[in-house]
Amino acid sequence: MYDNSLTGNTALIANHSPYLSPQGTFSCLCCYPTLFTFECGSQSLATVDIILLSFFRTFWWIFEKSLALTFLWLTRKIMTLEEVHGQETVVESTDRMQSAGKSLHELLVSAQRQECLTVGVYESAKVMNVDPDSVTFCILAADEYDEGDIALQIHFTLIQAFCCENDIDIVRLNDTEKVAQILGLTDESAEPKDLHCILITNPNEDAWKDPALEKLAIFCEESRKVYDWVPTITLPE
């Protein structure tokens, strides 16, 4: 039963909240600018409380589910972005390594043609002692079976230290056979050549303007920024 009068058991709700009169009258302000009063007993009020409690529980359940779904969506979105970024990083790293391998191949061919190549650990050490300023690039090459050669590893350590001290770019290769093929040193009848250390020399600084050397210099600089002091390069097939 609705009572629109402002007398008797009607309660004025100025603060837009429920109000119960001493006579057991439940009043509320709805979306209309009219005061509505419900006459109800204590049992009806308990029912209203149960309905309100059920409503808030349902609302809270929906809120929790929505929050969980939103969190799950954000998690999947972040994982997807990380996967895409990871794939892009792998692609960039692969392209970078392939480009470095191609540049090294071109550099070896060009340096041999211009007679700016020193091959062998002993020969390289002699050049480093006599004229270290002429060395522009250093290549250390070793196969898997060379890892157990302690003497060779000591030579490599000394050469690496020399290059770092004199700001000479240095890289490593894991396939001496490919180096021999590039340099045309695959004749089995000839005396085997020591290909464990190769120097690119430049007696006249103005005479050497090889683009491959410049690309490898950038590659080595980028590697040092991520603390890879002697990066490993794979020559193309």
C-alpha atoms as a PDB file:
ATOM      1  CA  MET A   1       0.000   0.000   0.000  1.00  0.00           C
ATOM      2  CA  TYR A   2       1.464   3.325  -1.036  1.00  0.00           C
ATOM      3  CA  ASP A   3       1.060   6.477   1.038  1.00  0.00           C
ATOM      4  CA  ASN A   4       2.126   9.706  -0.695  1.00  0.00           C
ATOM      5  CA  SER A   5       1.178  11.971   2.218  1.00  0.00           C
ATOM      6  CA  LEU A   6       3.776  13.698   4.349  1.00  0.00           C
ATOM      7  CA  THR A   7       1.959  12.937   7.662  1.00  0.00           C
ATOM      8  CA  GLY A   8       1.531   9.899   9.875  1.00  0.00           C
ATOM      9  CA  ASN A   9       4.051   7.147   9.354  1.00  0.00           C
ATOM     10  CA  THR A  10       5.608   8.681   6.247  1.00  0.00           C
ATOM     11  CA  ALA A  11       9.352   9.277   6.595  1.00  0.00           C
ATOM     12  CA  LEU A  12      11.148  11.982   4.679  1.00  0.00           C
ATOM     13  CA  ILE A  13      14.359  10.557   3.219  1.00  0.00           C
ATOM     14  CA  ALA A  14      16.535  13.598   2.634  1.00  0.00           C
ATOM     15  CA  ASN A  15      19.756  11.669   2.373  1.00  0.00           C
ATOM     16  CA  HIS A  16      18.483   9.082  -0.136  1.00  0.00           C
ATOM     17  CA  SER A  17      18.790   6.148   2.306  1.00  0.00           C
ATOM     18  CA  PRO A  18      16.196   3.693   3.719  1.00  0.00           C
ATOM     19  CA  TYR A  19      14.367   4.714   6.918  1.00  0.00           C
ATOM     20  CA  LEU A  20      12.135   2.700   9.222  1.00  0.00           C
ATOM     21  CA  SER A  21       9.550   4.519  11.381  1.00  0.00           C
ATOM     22  CA  PRO A  22       8.771   3.341  14.961  1.00  0.00           C
ATOM     23  CA  GLN A  23       5.432   1.987  13.716  1.00  0.00           C
ATOM     24  CA  GLY A  24       7.203  -0.459  11.336  1.00  0.00           C
ATOM     25  CA  THR A  25       6.923   1.578   8.169  1.00  0.00           C
ATOM     26  CA  PHE A  26       9.656   1.062   5.508  1.00  0.00           C
ATOM     27  CA  SER A  27      10.208   4.121   3.320  1.00  0.00           C
ATOM     28  CA  CYS A  28      12.558   4.592   0.375  1.00  0.00           C
ATOM     29  CA  LEU A  29      13.244   7.123  -2.327  1.00  0.00           C
ATOM     30  CA  CYS A  30      12.966   5.663  -5.821  1.00  0.00           C
ATOM     31  CA  CYS A  31      13.939   7.149  -9.120  1.00  0.00           C
ATOM     32  CA  TYR A  32      10.813   9.305  -9.086  1.00  0.00           C
ATOM     33  CA  PRO A  33      10.688  12.527  -7.058  1.00  0.00           C
ATOM     34  CA  THR A  34       7.869  11.072  -4.900  1.00  0.00           C
ATOM     35  CA  LEU A  35       8.072   9.596  -1.417  1.00  0.00           C
ATOM     36  CA  PHE A  36       6.927   5.987  -1.232  1.00  0.00           C
ATOM     37  CA  THR A  37       6.082   4.206   2.028  1.00  0.00           C
ATOM     38  CA  PHE A  38       5.656   0.457   2.434  1.00  0.00           C
ATOM     39  CA  GLU A  39       3.653  -0.840   5.352  1.00  0.00           C
ATOM     40  CA  CYS A  40       5.263  -4.059   6.471  1.00  0.00           C
ATOM     41  CA  GLY A  41       5.829  -6.156   9.563  1.00  0.00           C
ATOM     42  CA  SER A  42       9.016  -7.516  11.074  1.00  0.00           C
ATOM     43  CA  GLN A  43       8.740 -10.725   9.017  1.00  0.00           C
ATOM     44  CA  SER A  44       8.505  -8.748   5.774  1.00  0.00           C
ATOM     45  CA  LEU A  45      11.549  -6.711   6.795  1.00  0.00           C
ATOM     46  CA  ALA A  46      13.551  -9.902   7.292  1.00  0.00           C
ATOM     47  CA  THR A  47      12.541 -10.970   3.801  1.00  0.00           C
ATOM     48  CA  VAL A  48      13.713  -7.623   2.426  1.00  0.00           C
ATOM     49  CA  ASP A  49      17.048  -8.062   4.207  1.00  0.00           C
ATOM     50  CA  ILE A  50      17.470 -11.508   2.675  1.00  0.00           C
ATOM     51  CA  ILE A  51      16.669 -10.144  -0.782  1.00  0.00           C
ATOM     52  CA  LEU A  52      19.152  -7.291  -0.374  1.00  0.00           C
ATOM     53  CA  LEU A  53      21.826  -9.671   0.940  1.00  0.00           C
ATOM     54  CA  SER A  54      21.226 -12.008  -1.972  1.00  0.00           C
ATOM     55  CA  PHE A  55      21.436  -9.090  -4.391  1.00  0.00           C
ATOM     56  CA  PHE A  56      24.758  -7.882  -2.996  1.00  0.00           C
ATOM     57  CA  ARG A  57      26.157 -11.422  -2.986  1.00  0.00           C
ATOM     58  CA  THR A  58      25.164 -11.832  -6.612  1.00  0.00           C
ATOM     59  CA  PHE A  59      26.618  -8.448  -7.463  1.00  0.00           C
ATOM     60  CA  TRP A  60      29.894  -9.297  -5.674  1.00  0.00           C
ATOM     61  CA  TRP A  61      30.085 -12.678  -7.436  1.00  0.00           C
ATOM     62  CA  ILE A  62      29.635 -10.978 -10.823  1.00  0.00           C
ATOM     63  CA  PHE A  63      32.261  -8.387  -9.873  1.00  0.00           C
ATOM     64  CA  GLU A  64      34.776 -11.070  -8.852  1.00  0.00           C
ATOM     65  CA  LYS A  65      34.192 -13.054 -12.054  1.00  0.00           C
ATOM     66  CA  SER A  66      34.533  -9.927 -14.174  1.00  0.00           C
ATOM     67  CA  LEU A  67      37.750  -9.013 -12.383  1.00  0.00           C
ATOM     68  CA  ALA A  68      39.126 -12.526 -12.857  1.00  0.00           C
ATOM     69  CA  LEU A  69      38.234 -12.539 -16.551  1.00  0.00           C
ATOM     70  CA  THR A  70      39.810  -9.105 -17.003  1.00  0.00           C
ATOM     71  CA  PHE A  71      42.994 -10.261 -15.274  1.00  0.00           C
ATOM     72  CA  LEU A  72      43.078 -13.407 -17.412  1.00  0.00           C
ATOM     73  CA  TRP A  73      42.627 -11.347 -20.587  1.00  0.00           C
ATOM     74  CA  LEU A  74      45.405  -8.953 -19.587  1.00  0.00           C
ATOM     75  CA  THR A  75      47.713 -11.865 -18.741  1.00  0.00           C
ATOM     76  CA  ARG A  76      47.129 -13.494 -22.109  1.00  0.00           C
ATOM     77  CA  LYS A  77      47.602 -10.144 -23.846  1.00  0.00           C
ATOM     78  CA  ILE A  78      50.936  -9.587 -22.093  1.00  0.00           C
ATOM     79  CA  MET A  79      52.064 -13.150 -22.868  1.00  0.00           C
ATOM     80  CA  THR A  80      51.125 -12.672 -26.513  1.00  0.00           C
ATOM     81  CA  LEU A  81      53.088  -9.421 -26.699  1.00  0.00           C
ATOM     82  CA  GLU A  82      56.083 -11.099 -25.041  1.00  0.00           C
ATOM     83  CA  GLU A  83      55.924 -13.983 -27.517  1.00  0.00           C
ATOM     84  CA  VAL A  84      55.768 -11.582 -30.454  1.00  0.00           C
ATOM     85  CA  HIS A  85      58.646  -9.545 -29.038  1.00  0.00           C
ATOM     86  CA  GLY A  86      60.628 -12.729 -28.427  1.00  0.00           C
ATOM     87  CA  GLN A  87      60.046 -13.915 -31.980  1.00  0.00           C
ATOM     88  CA  GLU A  88      61.096 -10.527 -33.337  1.00  0.00           C
ATOM     89  CA  THR A  89      64.242 -10.644 -31.185  1.00  0.00           C
ATOM     90  CA  VAL A  90      65.105 -14.126 -32.463  1.00  0.00           C
ATOM     91  CA  VAL A  91      64.565 -13.021 -36.059  1.00  0.00           C
ATOM     92  CA  GLU A  92      66.706  -9.912 -35.542  1.00  0.00           C
ATOM     93  CA  SER A  93      69.464 -11.962 -33.881  1.00  0.00           C
ATOM     94  CA  THR A  94      69.409 -14.539 -36.689  1.00  0.00           C
ATOM     95  CA  ASP A  95      69.533 -11.865 -39.387  1.00  0.00           C
ATOM     96  CA  ARG A  96      72.341 -10.111 -37.533  1.00  0.00           C
ATOM     97  CA  MET A  97      74.435 -13.282 -37.309  1.00  0.00           C
ATOM     98  CA  GLN A  98      73.826 -14.170 -40.947  1.00  0.00           C
ATOM     99  CA  SER A  99      74.823 -10.665 -42.010  1.00  0.00           C
ATOM    100  CA  ALA A 100      78.014 -10.880 -39.916  1.00  0.00           C
ATOM    101  CA  GLY A 101      78.895 -14.256 -41.447  1.00  0.00           C
ATOM    102  CA  LYS A 102      78.404 -12.917 -44.946  1.00  0.00           C
ATOM    103  CA  SER A 103      80.505  -9.822 -44.186  1.00  0.00           C
ATOM    104  CA  LEU A 104      83.316 -11.967 -42.780  1.00  0.00           C
ATOM    105  CA  HIS A 105      83.309 -14.131 -45.901  1.00  0.00           C
ATOM    106  CA  GLU A 106      83.574 -11.012 -48.077  1.00  0.00           C
ATOM    107  CA  LEU A 107      86.327  -9.596 -45.865  1.00  0.00           C
ATOM    108  CA  LEU A 108      88.472 -12.730 -46.122  1.00  0.00           C
ATOM    109  CA  VAL A 109      88.188 -12.781 -49.909  1.00  0.00           C
ATOM    110  CA  SER A 110      88.933  -9.050 -50.212  1.00  0.00           C
ATOM    111  CA  ALA A 111      91.872  -9.124 -47.785  1.00  0.00           C
ATOM    112  CA  GLN A 112      93.452 -12.084 -49.549  1.00  0.00           C
ATOM    113  CA  ARG A 113      93.088 -10.331 -52.881  1.00  0.00           C
ATOM    114  CA  GLN A 114      94.768  -7.199 -51.523  1.00  0.00           C
ATOM    115  CA  GLU A 115      97.442  -9.234 -49.704  1.00  0.00           C
ATOM    116  CA  CYS A 116      96.406  -7.879 -46.328  1.00  0.00           C
ATOM    117  CA  LEU A 117      96.051 -11.291 -44.722  1.00  0.00           C
ATOM    118  CA  THR A 118      98.283 -12.922 -42.101  1.00  0.00           C
ATOM    119  CA  VAL A 119      97.560 -16.596 -41.422  1.00  0.00           C
ATOM    120  CA  GLY A 120      98.798 -18.677 -38.486  1.00  0.00           C
ATOM    121  CA  VAL A 121      99.260 -18.246 -34.749  1.00  0.00           C
ATOM    122  CA  TYR A 122     103.043 -17.793 -34.914  1.00  0.00           C
ATOM    123  CA  GLU A 123     102.890 -15.422 -37.901  1.00  0.00           C
ATOM    124  CA  SER A 124     100.124 -13.390 -36.268  1.00  0.00           C
ATOM    125  CA  ALA A 125     102.024 -13.100 -32.990  1.00  0.00           C
ATOM    126  CA  LYS A 126     105.062 -11.820 -34.860  1.00  0.00           C
ATOM    127  CA  VAL A 127     103.022  -9.114 -36.628  1.00  0.00           C
ATOM    128  CA  MET A 128     101.444  -8.070 -33.331  1.00  0.00           C
ATOM    129  CA  ASN A 129     104.859  -7.650 -31.739  1.00  0.00           C
ATOM    130  CA  VAL A 130     106.483  -5.822 -34.644  1.00  0.00           C
ATOM    131  CA  ASP A 131     103.650  -3.598 -35.877  1.00  0.00           C
ATOM    132  CA  PRO A 132     100.510  -3.789 -33.702  1.00  0.00           C
ATOM    133  CA  ASP A 133      99.067  -0.610 -35.229  1.00  0.00           C
ATOM    134  CA  SER A 134      98.750  -2.324 -38.600  1.00  0.00           C
ATOM    135  CA  VAL A 135      96.280  -4.917 -37.269  1.00  0.00           C
ATOM    136  CA  THR A 136      92.664  -3.965 -37.958  1.00  0.00           C
ATOM    137  CA  PHE A 137      90.821  -7.239 -37.378  1.00  0.00           C
ATOM    138  CA  CYS A 138      91.519 -10.603 -35.761  1.00  0.00           C
ATOM    139  CA  ILE A 139      89.881 -13.985 -36.335  1.00  0.00           C
ATOM    140  CA  LEU A 140      90.350 -16.971 -34.034  1.00  0.00           C
ATOM    141  CA  ALA A 141      89.267 -20.265 -35.586  1.00  0.00           C
ATOM    142  CA  ALA A 142      89.007 -23.619 -33.834  1.00  0.00           C
ATOM    143  CA  ASP A 143      87.135 -26.875 -34.293  1.00  0.00           C
ATOM    144  CA  GLU A 144      85.526 -28.931 -31.549  1.00  0.00           C
ATOM    145  CA  TYR A 145      88.558 -31.186 -31.141  1.00  0.00           C
ATOM    146  CA  ASP A 146      90.728 -28.093 -30.552  1.00  0.00           C
ATOM    147  CA  GLU A 147      88.951 -27.325 -27.288  1.00  0.00           C
ATOM    148  CA  GLY A 148      91.218 -29.784 -25.496  1.00  0.00           C
ATOM    149  CA  ASP A 149      94.406 -28.239 -26.892  1.00  0.00           C
ATOM    150  CA  ILE A 150      95.683 -26.382 -23.828  1.00  0.00           C
ATOM    151  CA  ALA A 151      98.569 -24.715 -25.656  1.00  0.00           C
ATOM    152  CA  LEU A 152      96.221 -23.371 -28.328  1.00  0.00           C
ATOM    153  CA  GLN A 153      93.787 -22.063 -25.716  1.00  0.00           C
ATOM    154  CA  ILE A 154      96.649 -20.233 -23.982  1.00  0.00           C
ATOM    155  CA  HIS A 155      97.600 -18.617 -27.300  1.00  0.00           C
ATOM    156  CA  PHE A 156      93.970 -17.614 -27.810  1.00  0.00           C
ATOM    157  CA  THR A 157      93.829 -16.030 -24.355  1.00  0.00           C
ATOM    158  CA  LEU A 158      96.976 -13.995 -24.995  1.00  0.00           C
ATOM    159  CA  ILE A 159      95.762 -12.872 -28.421  1.00  0.00           C
ATOM    160  CA  GLN A 160      92.375 -11.853 -27.013  1.00  0.00           C
ATOM    161  CA  ALA A 161      94.074  -9.826 -24.282  1.00  0.00           C
ATOM    162  CA  PHE A 162      96.297  -8.122 -26.853  1.00  0.00           C
ATOM    163  CA  CYS A 163      93.318  -7.231 -29.060  1.00  0.00           C
ATOM    164  CA  CYS A 164      91.296  -5.854 -26.152  1.00  0.00           C
ATOM    165  CA  GLU A 165      94.241  -3.770 -24.976  1.00  0.00           C
ATOM    166  CA  ASN A 166      94.854  -2.341 -28.450  1.00  0.00           C
ATOM    167  CA  ASP A 167      91.176  -1.851 -29.424  1.00  0.00           C
ATOM    168  CA  ILE A 168      91.297  -4.458 -32.191  1.00  0.00           C
ATOM    169  CA  ASP A 169      88.010  -6.096 -33.154  1.00  0.00           C
ATOM    170  CA  ILE A 170      88.155  -9.852 -32.670  1.00  0.00           C
ATOM    171  CA  VAL A 171      85.749 -12.700 -33.453  1.00  0.00           C
ATOM    172  CA  ARG A 172      85.742 -16.488 -33.224  1.00  0.00           C
ATOM    173  CA  LEU A 173      84.906 -19.180 -35.771  1.00  0.00           C
ATOM    174  CA  ASN A 174      84.079 -22.821 -35.127  1.00  0.00           C
ATOM    175  CA  ASP A 175      84.921 -24.213 -38.557  1.00  0.00           C
ATOM    176  CA  THR A 176      88.454 -24.043 -39.944  1.00  0.00           C
ATOM    177  CA  GLU A 177      87.444 -26.121 -42.960  1.00  0.00           C
ATOM    178  CA  LYS A 178      85.213 -23.342 -44.278  1.00  0.00           C
ATOM    179  CA  VAL A 179      88.051 -20.869 -43.820  1.00  0.00           C
ATOM    180  CA  ALA A 180      90.323 -23.143 -45.841  1.00  0.00           C
ATOM    181  CA  GLN A 181      87.727 -23.339 -48.610  1.00  0.00           C
ATOM    182  CA  ILE A 182      87.350 -19.561 -48.750  1.00  0.00           C
ATOM    183  CA  LEU A 183      91.109 -19.029 -48.902  1.00  0.00           C
ATOM    184  CA  GLY A 184      91.663 -21.864 -51.362  1.00  0.00           C
ATOM    185  CA  LEU A 185      93.823 -23.889 -48.981  1.00  0.00           C
ATOM    186  CA  THR A 186      92.141 -27.254 -49.419  1.00  0.00           C
ATOM    187  CA  ASP A 187      94.916 -28.966 -51.370  1.00  0.00           C
ATOM    188  CA  GLU A 188      95.561 -32.193 -49.476  1.00  0.00           C
ATOM    189  CA  SER A 189      98.960 -32.687 -51.114  1.00  0.00           C
ATOM    190  CA  ALA A 190     100.225 -29.353 -49.800  1.00  0.00           C
ATOM    191  CA  GLU A 191     101.485 -28.781 -46.286  1.00  0.00           C
ATOM    192  CA  PRO A 192      98.542 -28.085 -43.935  1.00  0.00           C
ATOM    193  CA  LYS A 193      98.199 -24.438 -43.045  1.00  0.00           C
ATOM    194  CA  ASP A 194      97.656 -23.159 -39.527  1.00  0.00           C
ATOM    195  CA  LEU A 195      94.286 -21.403 -39.718  1.00  0.00           C
ATOM    196  CA  HIS A 196      93.715 -20.945 -36.002  1.00  0.00           C
ATOM    197  CA  CYS A 197      94.541 -17.235 -36.129  1.00  0.00           C
ATOM    198  CA  ILE A 198      94.038 -14.836 -39.026  1.00  0.00           C
ATOM    199  CA  LEU A 199      94.837 -11.138 -39.002  1.00  0.00           C
ATOM    200  CA  ILE A 200      93.525  -8.474 -41.337  1.00  0.00           C
ATOM    201  CA  THR A 201      96.312  -5.928 -41.642  1.00  0.00           C
ATOM    202  CA  ASN A 202      96.327  -2.457 -43.065  1.00  0.00           C
ATOM    203  CA  PRO A 203      99.770  -0.948 -43.656  1.00  0.00           C
ATOM    204  CA  ASN A 204      98.220   2.172 -45.133  1.00  0.00           C
ATOM    205  CA  GLU A 205      95.152   3.340 -43.240  1.00  0.00           C
ATOM    206  CA  ASP A 206      93.790   5.307 -46.196  1.00  0.00           C
ATOM    207  CA  ALA A 207      94.057   2.308 -48.523  1.00  0.00           C
ATOM    208  CA  TRP A 208      91.611   0.117 -46.606  1.00  0.00           C
ATOM    209  CA  LYS A 209      87.973   1.150 -46.989  1.00  0.00           C
ATOM    210  CA  ASP A 210      86.256  -2.226 -47.162  1.00  0.00           C
ATOM    211  CA  PRO A 211      82.482  -2.070 -46.428  1.00  0.00           C
ATOM    212  CA  ALA A 212      82.567  -5.581 -44.945  1.00  0.00           C
ATOM    213  CA  LEU A 213      85.173  -4.475 -42.409  1.00  0.00           C
ATOM    214  CA  GLU A 214      83.009  -1.526 -41.386  1.00  0.00           C
ATOM    215  CA  LYS A 215      79.975  -3.804 -40.925  1.00  0.00           C
ATOM    216  CA  LEU A 216      81.992  -6.189 -38.774  1.00  0.00           C
ATOM    217  CA  ALA A 217      83.285  -3.279 -36.698  1.00  0.00           C
ATOM    218  CA  ILE A 218      79.670  -2.291 -35.957  1.00  0.00           C
ATOM    219  CA  PHE A 219      78.821  -5.925 -35.175  1.00  0.00           C
ATOM    220  CA  CYS A 220      81.688  -6.183 -32.673  1.00  0.00           C
ATOM    221  CA  GLU A 221      80.770  -2.869 -31.058  1.00  0.00           C
ATOM    222  CA  GLU A 222      77.151  -3.981 -30.588  1.00  0.00           C
ATOM    223  CA  SER A 223      78.353  -7.278 -29.124  1.00  0.00           C
ATOM    224  CA  ARG A 224      80.571  -5.521 -26.593  1.00  0.00           C
ATOM    225  CA  LYS A 225      77.590  -3.487 -25.411  1.00  0.00           C
ATOM    226  CA  VAL A 226      76.010  -6.752 -24.222  1.00  0.00           C
ATOM    227  CA  TYR A 227      79.338  -7.940 -22.753  1.00  0.00           C
ATOM    228  CA  ASP A 228      80.114 -10.350 -25.565  1.00  0.00           C
ATOM    229  CA  TRP A 229      83.774  -9.439 -25.967  1.00  0.00           C
ATOM    230  CA  VAL A 230      84.657 -12.124 -28.511  1.00  0.00           C
ATOM    231  CA  PRO A 231      81.492 -12.943 -30.472  1.00  0.00           C
ATOM    232  CA  THR A 232      81.255 -16.181 -32.413  1.00  0.00           C
ATOM    233  CA  ILE A 233      80.377 -15.949 -36.108  1.00  0.00           C
ATOM    234  CA  THR A 234      79.187 -18.718 -38.402  1.00  0.00           C
ATOM    235  CA  LEU A 235      80.269 -18.502 -42.017  1.00  0.00           C
ATOM    236  CA  PRO A 236      77.564 -19.033 -44.651  1.00  0.00           C
ATOM    237  CA  GLU A 237      77.323 -22.354 -46.448  1.00  0.00           C
END
